[in-house]
Protein backbone atom coordinates (compact mmCIF):
# COMPACT_ATOMS: atom_id res chain seq x y z
CA MET A 1 94.36 58.68 67.99
CA ASN A 2 96.85 60.60 65.37
CA LYS A 3 98.02 63.88 65.40
CA THR A 4 95.24 65.32 62.94
CA GLU A 5 92.26 63.74 64.75
CA ALA A 6 93.58 64.79 67.92
CA PHE A 7 93.74 68.27 66.88
CA ALA A 8 90.31 67.97 65.21
CA GLN A 9 89.12 66.67 68.88
CA VAL A 10 90.74 69.63 70.54
CA ALA A 11 89.11 71.85 68.04
CA ARG A 12 85.50 70.46 68.87
CA GLU A 13 86.30 70.70 72.83
CA THR A 14 87.42 74.34 72.52
CA GLY A 15 85.39 75.81 69.61
CA ARG A 16 88.31 76.77 67.75
CA SER A 17 89.42 75.57 63.95
CA ALA A 18 91.52 72.13 63.67
CA ALA A 19 93.54 74.51 61.82
CA THR A 20 94.06 77.28 65.07
CA VAL A 21 94.85 74.26 67.17
CA THR A 22 97.47 72.91 64.89
CA THR A 23 99.40 76.15 64.19
CA THR A 24 98.79 76.98 68.25
CA TYR A 25 100.43 73.65 68.69
CA TYR A 26 103.53 73.61 66.46
CA ARG A 27 104.13 77.41 67.56
CA ILE A 28 104.34 76.60 71.36
CA ALA A 29 106.05 73.50 70.36
CA LYS A 30 109.06 75.38 68.72
CA ARG A 31 109.47 77.32 71.37
CA GLN A 32 110.36 74.66 74.10
CA PRO A 33 114.08 73.78 74.25
CA GLY A 34 115.19 71.55 72.09
CA GLY A 35 112.06 72.57 69.40
CA GLY A 36 109.62 70.36 71.31
CA GLY A 37 110.46 67.48 68.98
CA VAL A 38 109.16 69.46 66.22
CA ARG A 39 111.23 70.24 62.80
CA GLN A 40 112.39 73.70 62.92
CA SER A 41 112.57 75.23 59.24
CA ALA A 42 115.11 77.44 58.19
CA ARG A 43 113.75 80.91 57.95
CA SER A 44 115.06 84.29 57.78
CA THR A 45 113.76 87.16 59.96
CA THR A 46 113.62 90.51 58.75
CA HIS A 47 114.20 93.74 60.87
CA ALA A 48 110.84 94.69 60.71
CA ALA A 49 109.34 91.26 61.70
CA LYS A 50 111.92 91.54 64.79
CA LYS A 51 110.54 95.09 65.71
CA VAL A 52 106.87 93.51 65.17
CA GLY A 53 107.83 90.56 67.67
CA GLY A 54 109.42 93.17 70.27
CA ALA A 55 106.10 95.23 69.97
CA GLN A 56 104.08 92.51 70.78
CA ALA A 57 106.03 90.99 73.53
CA GLU A 58 105.71 94.30 75.21
CA ARG A 59 101.98 94.45 74.51
CA LEU A 60 101.66 91.20 76.28
CA ALA A 61 103.69 92.08 79.16
CA HIS A 62 101.68 95.34 79.68
CA ASP A 63 98.53 93.46 79.23
CA ALA A 64 99.91 90.78 81.78
CA ARG A 65 100.69 93.34 84.65
CA ALA A 66 97.45 94.92 83.93
CA ALA A 67 95.76 91.39 84.50
CA ILE A 68 98.18 90.83 87.68
CA ASP A 69 97.35 94.28 89.12
CA ALA A 70 93.53 93.66 88.62
CA LEU A 71 93.75 90.28 90.37
CA HIS A 72 95.62 92.00 93.36
CA LYS A 73 92.78 94.56 93.66
CA HIS A 74 90.33 91.71 93.54
CA VAL A 75 91.96 89.59 96.32
CA ALA A 76 92.30 92.79 98.25
CA ALA A 77 88.31 93.05 98.10
CA LEU A 78 87.62 89.76 98.51
CA GLU A 79 89.97 89.72 101.81
CA ALA A 80 88.37 93.23 102.93
CA GLN A 81 84.79 91.36 102.11
CA LEU A 82 85.64 88.18 104.44
CA GLU A 83 86.98 90.31 107.15
CA GLU A 84 83.73 92.51 107.45
CA LEU A 85 81.82 88.85 107.04
CA THR A 86 83.93 87.40 109.99
CA ALA A 87 83.40 90.40 112.02
CA LYS A 88 79.48 90.20 111.40
CA SER A 89 79.52 86.35 112.16
CA ARG A 90 81.10 87.01 115.30
CA GLU A 91 78.40 89.51 116.30
CA LEU A 92 75.82 87.56 115.12
CA ASP A 93 77.15 84.59 117.55
CA ARG A 94 77.34 87.16 120.38
CA LEU A 95 73.56 88.18 119.81
CA LYS A 96 72.57 84.65 119.94
CA LYS A 97 74.38 84.13 123.31
CA ALA A 98 72.90 87.27 124.97
CA ILE A 99 69.53 86.37 123.63
CA GLY A 100 69.83 82.90 124.66
CA LYS A 101 70.36 84.35 128.56
CA ILE A 102 67.26 86.22 128.42
């Protein structure tokens, strides 16, 4: 299977277009150490483009922090629920033993 076929298969499996998959692949590959085996094209970056990239990175970092905070809250809620259910299970076991002694 060549790259084009692989991109098309991933596109079908993920519901994205092959162009989106291809673009994402090369974008990520270029960020890897040594360029991920992808040829780097010589491009100049304008000051405005650098500023947009920084703003985008800040937004992504903010979104990541928000997601992590939400995950922490969810885990804390699950732990509290687990403690409550464990206590109820112990109480049920105690009641079963008490009923069995009658």
